[in-house]
N, C-alpha and C. Protein backbone atom coordinates (compact mmCIF):
# COMPACT_ATOMS: atom_id res chain seq x y z
N MET A 1 293.07 141.14 31.93
CA MET A 1 293.33 142.55 31.73
C MET A 1 292.07 143.27 31.29
N ARG A 2 291.99 144.55 31.61
CA ARG A 2 290.79 145.32 31.32
C ARG A 2 291.03 146.35 30.24
N HIS A 3 291.96 146.12 29.36
CA HIS A 3 292.26 147.10 28.32
C HIS A 3 291.05 147.29 27.41
N ARG A 4 290.67 148.53 27.20
CA ARG A 4 289.63 148.94 26.26
C ARG A 4 288.25 148.34 26.57
N VAL A 5 288.01 147.98 27.81
CA VAL A 5 286.70 147.45 28.20
C VAL A 5 285.86 148.63 28.63
N LYS A 6 284.76 148.88 27.92
CA LYS A 6 283.97 150.08 28.19
C LYS A 6 282.67 149.81 28.93
N LYS A 7 282.17 148.60 28.89
CA LYS A 7 280.87 148.37 29.51
C LYS A 7 281.01 147.70 30.87
N LYS A 8 280.01 147.87 31.69
CA LYS A 8 279.96 147.23 33.00
C LYS A 8 279.46 145.81 32.80
N HIS A 9 280.03 144.88 33.53
CA HIS A 9 279.63 143.48 33.38
C HIS A 9 278.68 143.03 34.48
N PHE A 10 278.66 143.72 35.61
CA PHE A 10 277.77 143.41 36.72
C PHE A 10 277.91 141.97 37.22
N ASP A 11 279.06 141.36 36.98
CA ASP A 11 279.31 139.98 37.40
C ASP A 11 278.22 139.04 36.87
N ARG A 12 277.82 139.24 35.61
CA ARG A 12 276.78 138.45 34.96
C ARG A 12 277.27 137.99 33.60
N THR A 13 276.63 136.96 33.09
CA THR A 13 276.93 136.53 31.73
C THR A 13 276.27 137.50 30.75
N LYS A 14 276.60 137.36 29.48
CA LYS A 14 276.03 138.24 28.46
C LYS A 14 274.51 138.13 28.43
N GLU A 15 273.99 136.92 28.53
CA GLU A 15 272.55 136.70 28.48
C GLU A 15 271.85 137.34 29.68
N GLN A 16 272.45 137.20 30.86
CA GLN A 16 271.87 137.80 32.06
C GLN A 16 271.89 139.32 32.00
N ARG A 17 272.97 139.87 31.44
CA ARG A 17 273.09 141.31 31.30
C ARG A 17 272.04 141.83 30.33
N LEU A 18 271.84 141.14 29.21
CA LEU A 18 270.83 141.53 28.24
C LEU A 18 269.44 141.47 28.87
N ALA A 19 269.17 140.45 29.69
CA ALA A 19 267.89 140.34 30.37
C ALA A 19 267.68 141.52 31.33
N LEU A 20 268.73 141.93 32.01
CA LEU A 20 268.64 143.09 32.90
C LEU A 20 268.31 144.35 32.11
N TYR A 21 269.01 144.57 31.00
CA TYR A 21 268.76 145.75 30.16
C TYR A 21 267.34 145.73 29.60
N ARG A 22 266.89 144.58 29.15
CA ARG A 22 265.53 144.47 28.61
C ARG A 22 264.50 144.80 29.68
N SER A 23 264.71 144.28 30.87
CA SER A 23 263.77 144.50 31.96
C SER A 23 263.70 145.98 32.35
N LEU A 24 264.86 146.62 32.47
CA LEU A 24 264.87 148.04 32.84
C LEU A 24 264.28 148.90 31.73
N ALA A 25 264.60 148.59 30.47
CA ALA A 25 264.06 149.36 29.34
C ALA A 25 262.55 149.19 29.25
N ARG A 26 262.07 147.99 29.45
CA ARG A 26 260.63 147.72 29.41
C ARG A 26 259.90 148.51 30.49
N ALA A 27 260.47 148.50 31.70
CA ALA A 27 259.85 149.23 32.80
C ALA A 27 259.84 150.72 32.53
N LEU A 28 260.92 151.25 31.96
CA LEU A 28 260.98 152.69 31.67
C LEU A 28 259.96 153.07 30.60
N ILE A 29 259.82 152.26 29.57
CA ILE A 29 258.86 152.57 28.50
C ILE A 29 257.44 152.53 29.03
N LEU A 30 257.13 151.55 29.88
CA LEU A 30 255.78 151.42 30.40
C LEU A 30 255.47 152.43 31.49
N GLU A 31 256.41 152.69 32.39
CA GLU A 31 256.14 153.53 33.56
C GLU A 31 256.53 154.99 33.36
N GLY A 32 257.56 155.25 32.55
CA GLY A 32 257.99 156.63 32.35
C GLY A 32 259.14 157.06 33.24
N ARG A 33 259.28 156.41 34.39
CA ARG A 33 260.41 156.67 35.28
C ARG A 33 260.56 155.49 36.22
N ILE A 34 261.82 155.14 36.47
CA ILE A 34 262.09 153.99 37.34
C ILE A 34 263.19 154.36 38.32
N GLU A 35 263.23 153.64 39.43
CA GLU A 35 264.28 153.82 40.43
C GLU A 35 265.17 152.60 40.41
N THR A 36 266.46 152.81 40.25
CA THR A 36 267.43 151.73 40.18
C THR A 36 268.76 152.24 40.71
N THR A 37 269.80 151.43 40.65
CA THR A 37 271.10 151.90 41.10
C THR A 37 271.71 152.81 40.03
N VAL A 38 272.65 153.63 40.44
CA VAL A 38 273.28 154.58 39.53
C VAL A 38 274.02 153.84 38.42
N GLU A 39 274.73 152.79 38.77
CA GLU A 39 275.52 152.05 37.77
C GLU A 39 274.61 151.38 36.74
N ARG A 40 273.52 150.80 37.18
CA ARG A 40 272.58 150.18 36.23
C ARG A 40 271.94 151.23 35.33
N ALA A 41 271.59 152.36 35.90
CA ALA A 41 270.97 153.43 35.12
C ALA A 41 271.93 153.93 34.04
N LYS A 42 273.20 154.10 34.40
CA LYS A 42 274.17 154.58 33.43
C LYS A 42 274.43 153.54 32.35
N ALA A 43 274.39 152.26 32.71
CA ALA A 43 274.67 151.21 31.74
C ALA A 43 273.51 151.02 30.77
N VAL A 44 272.27 151.10 31.26
CA VAL A 44 271.12 150.84 30.40
C VAL A 44 270.78 152.05 29.53
N ARG A 45 271.37 153.20 29.84
CA ARG A 45 271.09 154.42 29.08
C ARG A 45 271.37 154.25 27.59
N SER A 46 272.51 153.65 27.24
CA SER A 46 272.85 153.50 25.82
C SER A 46 271.92 152.51 25.13
N PHE A 47 271.46 151.47 25.85
CA PHE A 47 270.51 150.50 25.30
C PHE A 47 269.20 151.20 24.97
N ILE A 48 268.75 152.07 25.85
CA ILE A 48 267.49 152.78 25.64
C ILE A 48 267.62 153.79 24.51
N GLU A 49 268.77 154.47 24.43
CA GLU A 49 269.00 155.43 23.34
C GLU A 49 268.89 154.73 21.99
N ARG A 50 269.44 153.53 21.92
CA ARG A 50 269.39 152.77 20.67
C ARG A 50 267.95 152.43 20.30
N LEU A 51 267.15 152.03 21.30
CA LEU A 51 265.75 151.70 21.05
C LEU A 51 264.97 152.93 20.57
N VAL A 52 265.22 154.08 21.18
CA VAL A 52 264.50 155.29 20.78
C VAL A 52 264.89 155.70 19.37
N ASN A 53 266.17 155.55 19.03
CA ASN A 53 266.59 155.87 17.66
C ASN A 53 265.90 154.96 16.65
N LEU A 54 265.72 153.69 17.00
CA LEU A 54 264.98 152.79 16.11
C LEU A 54 263.52 153.24 16.00
N GLY A 55 262.95 153.67 17.12
CA GLY A 55 261.57 154.14 17.12
C GLY A 55 261.40 155.39 16.27
N LYS A 56 262.39 156.27 16.30
CA LYS A 56 262.32 157.48 15.49
C LYS A 56 262.44 157.16 14.01
N GLU A 57 263.20 156.13 13.68
CA GLU A 57 263.36 155.72 12.28
C GLU A 57 262.02 155.26 11.73
N GLY A 58 261.32 154.42 12.50
CA GLY A 58 259.95 154.05 12.17
C GLY A 58 259.74 153.07 11.04
N THR A 59 260.77 152.51 10.46
CA THR A 59 260.60 151.58 9.35
C THR A 59 260.28 150.18 9.87
N LEU A 60 259.89 149.31 8.96
CA LEU A 60 259.60 147.94 9.33
C LEU A 60 260.87 147.23 9.82
N ALA A 61 261.97 147.51 9.17
CA ALA A 61 263.24 146.90 9.59
C ALA A 61 263.63 147.37 10.99
N ALA A 62 263.39 148.64 11.28
CA ALA A 62 263.69 149.17 12.61
C ALA A 62 262.79 148.53 13.66
N ARG A 63 261.51 148.32 13.31
CA ARG A 63 260.58 147.68 14.25
C ARG A 63 261.00 146.24 14.53
N ARG A 64 261.46 145.54 13.48
CA ARG A 64 261.92 144.16 13.68
C ARG A 64 263.18 144.10 14.53
N GLU A 65 264.08 145.05 14.32
CA GLU A 65 265.29 145.08 15.14
C GLU A 65 264.95 145.40 16.59
N ALA A 66 264.01 146.32 16.79
CA ALA A 66 263.57 146.64 18.16
C ALA A 66 262.93 145.42 18.82
N LEU A 67 262.18 144.65 18.05
CA LEU A 67 261.58 143.43 18.59
C LEU A 67 262.63 142.39 18.93
N SER A 68 263.74 142.38 18.21
CA SER A 68 264.80 141.43 18.55
C SER A 68 265.53 141.87 19.82
N LEU A 69 265.62 143.18 20.05
CA LEU A 69 266.25 143.68 21.27
C LEU A 69 265.31 143.64 22.46
N LEU A 70 264.03 143.85 22.21
CA LEU A 70 263.03 143.94 23.28
C LEU A 70 261.81 143.13 22.86
N PRO A 71 261.82 141.81 23.08
CA PRO A 71 260.77 140.95 22.52
C PRO A 71 259.43 141.03 23.25
N ASP A 72 258.78 142.18 23.16
CA ASP A 72 257.45 142.38 23.72
C ASP A 72 256.72 143.33 22.79
N ARG A 73 255.77 142.81 22.05
CA ARG A 73 255.10 143.60 21.01
C ARG A 73 254.41 144.84 21.54
N HIS A 74 253.78 144.74 22.72
CA HIS A 74 253.06 145.88 23.27
C HIS A 74 254.01 147.01 23.65
N VAL A 75 255.17 146.65 24.19
CA VAL A 75 256.15 147.66 24.58
C VAL A 75 256.75 148.32 23.34
N VAL A 76 257.06 147.54 22.31
CA VAL A 76 257.61 148.10 21.09
C VAL A 76 256.59 149.00 20.41
N LYS A 77 255.33 148.61 20.45
CA LYS A 77 254.28 149.45 19.86
C LYS A 77 254.20 150.79 20.59
N LYS A 78 254.25 150.76 21.92
CA LYS A 78 254.22 152.00 22.69
C LYS A 78 255.47 152.84 22.41
N LEU A 79 256.62 152.18 22.28
CA LEU A 79 257.86 152.89 21.96
C LEU A 79 257.74 153.62 20.63
N PHE A 80 257.23 152.95 19.61
CA PHE A 80 257.17 153.54 18.27
C PHE A 80 256.06 154.58 18.14
N GLU A 81 254.94 154.40 18.85
CA GLU A 81 253.79 155.28 18.66
C GLU A 81 253.70 156.43 19.66
N GLU A 82 254.22 156.23 20.88
CA GLU A 82 254.07 157.27 21.90
C GLU A 82 255.39 157.91 22.31
N VAL A 83 256.40 157.08 22.56
CA VAL A 83 257.65 157.59 23.12
C VAL A 83 258.52 158.26 22.06
N ALA A 84 258.80 157.58 20.96
CA ALA A 84 259.71 158.09 19.95
C ALA A 84 259.25 159.40 19.29
N PRO A 85 257.96 159.58 18.99
CA PRO A 85 257.54 160.85 18.38
C PRO A 85 257.82 162.08 19.25
N LYS A 86 257.90 161.90 20.57
CA LYS A 86 258.19 163.04 21.45
C LYS A 86 259.61 163.58 21.24
N PHE A 87 260.50 162.74 20.69
CA PHE A 87 261.90 163.11 20.56
C PHE A 87 262.32 163.39 19.13
N GLU A 88 261.39 163.77 18.27
CA GLU A 88 261.71 164.03 16.87
C GLU A 88 262.76 165.12 16.69
N GLY A 89 262.73 166.13 17.52
CA GLY A 89 263.66 167.24 17.38
C GLY A 89 265.01 167.00 18.06
N ARG A 90 265.15 165.94 18.80
CA ARG A 90 266.39 165.66 19.54
C ARG A 90 267.24 164.65 18.79
N THR A 91 268.56 164.80 18.92
CA THR A 91 269.46 163.83 18.29
C THR A 91 270.02 162.84 19.29
N GLY A 92 269.73 163.01 20.55
CA GLY A 92 270.22 162.09 21.57
C GLY A 92 269.90 162.64 22.94
N GLY A 93 270.30 161.92 23.98
CA GLY A 93 270.04 162.37 25.34
C GLY A 93 268.58 162.29 25.70
N TYR A 94 267.97 161.12 25.51
CA TYR A 94 266.54 160.96 25.72
C TYR A 94 266.18 160.68 27.17
N VAL A 95 267.13 160.17 27.95
CA VAL A 95 266.86 159.85 29.35
C VAL A 95 267.81 160.62 30.25
N ARG A 96 267.34 160.88 31.46
CA ARG A 96 268.18 161.56 32.44
C ARG A 96 268.32 160.67 33.67
N VAL A 97 269.50 160.74 34.29
CA VAL A 97 269.78 160.01 35.51
C VAL A 97 269.88 161.02 36.64
N ILE A 98 268.98 160.92 37.62
CA ILE A 98 268.97 161.82 38.76
C ILE A 98 269.38 161.00 39.98
N ARG A 99 270.49 161.38 40.57
CA ARG A 99 270.97 160.67 41.76
C ARG A 99 270.10 161.03 42.96
N LEU A 100 269.78 160.02 43.77
CA LEU A 100 269.00 160.24 44.98
C LEU A 100 269.94 160.40 46.17
N PRO A 101 269.56 161.22 47.14
CA PRO A 101 270.46 161.47 48.28
C PRO A 101 270.61 160.27 49.21
N GLU A 102 269.57 159.46 49.36
CA GLU A 102 269.67 158.32 50.27
C GLU A 102 270.12 157.08 49.51
N ARG A 103 270.81 156.21 50.22
CA ARG A 103 271.30 154.97 49.63
C ARG A 103 270.34 153.83 49.94
N ARG A 104 270.47 152.73 49.22
CA ARG A 104 269.62 151.56 49.46
C ARG A 104 269.96 150.98 50.82
N LYS A 105 268.93 150.61 51.55
CA LYS A 105 269.11 150.19 52.92
C LYS A 105 269.90 148.89 53.06
N GLY A 106 269.65 147.93 52.20
CA GLY A 106 270.26 146.61 52.35
C GLY A 106 271.76 146.58 52.16
N ASP A 107 272.24 147.20 51.09
CA ASP A 107 273.67 147.11 50.78
C ASP A 107 274.35 148.47 50.62
N GLY A 108 273.61 149.55 50.77
CA GLY A 108 274.21 150.88 50.70
C GLY A 108 274.52 151.34 49.29
N ALA A 109 273.88 150.74 48.28
CA ALA A 109 274.13 151.13 46.90
C ALA A 109 273.54 152.51 46.61
N GLU A 110 274.25 153.29 45.79
CA GLU A 110 273.74 154.60 45.38
C GLU A 110 272.54 154.39 44.47
N MET A 111 271.47 155.10 44.75
CA MET A 111 270.24 154.95 43.97
C MET A 111 270.05 156.16 43.06
N ALA A 112 269.28 155.94 42.00
CA ALA A 112 269.01 157.00 41.04
C ALA A 112 267.64 156.79 40.42
N ILE A 113 267.11 157.87 39.87
CA ILE A 113 265.87 157.80 39.11
C ILE A 113 266.25 157.96 37.65
N LEU A 114 265.71 157.07 36.82
CA LEU A 114 265.93 157.13 35.37
C LEU A 114 264.59 157.54 34.75
N GLU A 115 264.58 158.68 34.03
CA GLU A 115 263.33 159.18 33.48
C GLU A 115 263.58 159.79 32.10
N TRP A 116 262.48 159.96 31.36
CA TRP A 116 262.56 160.57 30.04
C TRP A 116 262.78 162.07 30.17
N VAL A 117 263.53 162.64 29.26
CA VAL A 117 263.71 164.08 29.18
C VAL A 117 262.51 164.62 28.42
N GLU A 118 261.90 165.65 28.92
CA GLU A 118 260.70 166.20 28.27
C GLU A 118 261.06 167.24 27.23
């Protein structure tokens, strides 16, 4: 039964799903915008919001928690020093999902661009 199930599972285990979220979040922090499917973009949005909120907090405990969620020191450093300060005045909604008109050629999946809100 699917009662009260709010997240997408993507037919993956918990560890595989976390690896997908980490990979997409890492790419977004490093590149600034990424192209992925609409469903993945919507699912990883809350993961990224949590990371940015930790970055805005800026404490040592927040940095350690961010490192546990995203185990790459260079990416966490960029998150805390470059990305999070841009959103000091915002309380949420740090990323935007823009749907693309064309679908992926191989399987026809809806594509989207995931980027930071300026």
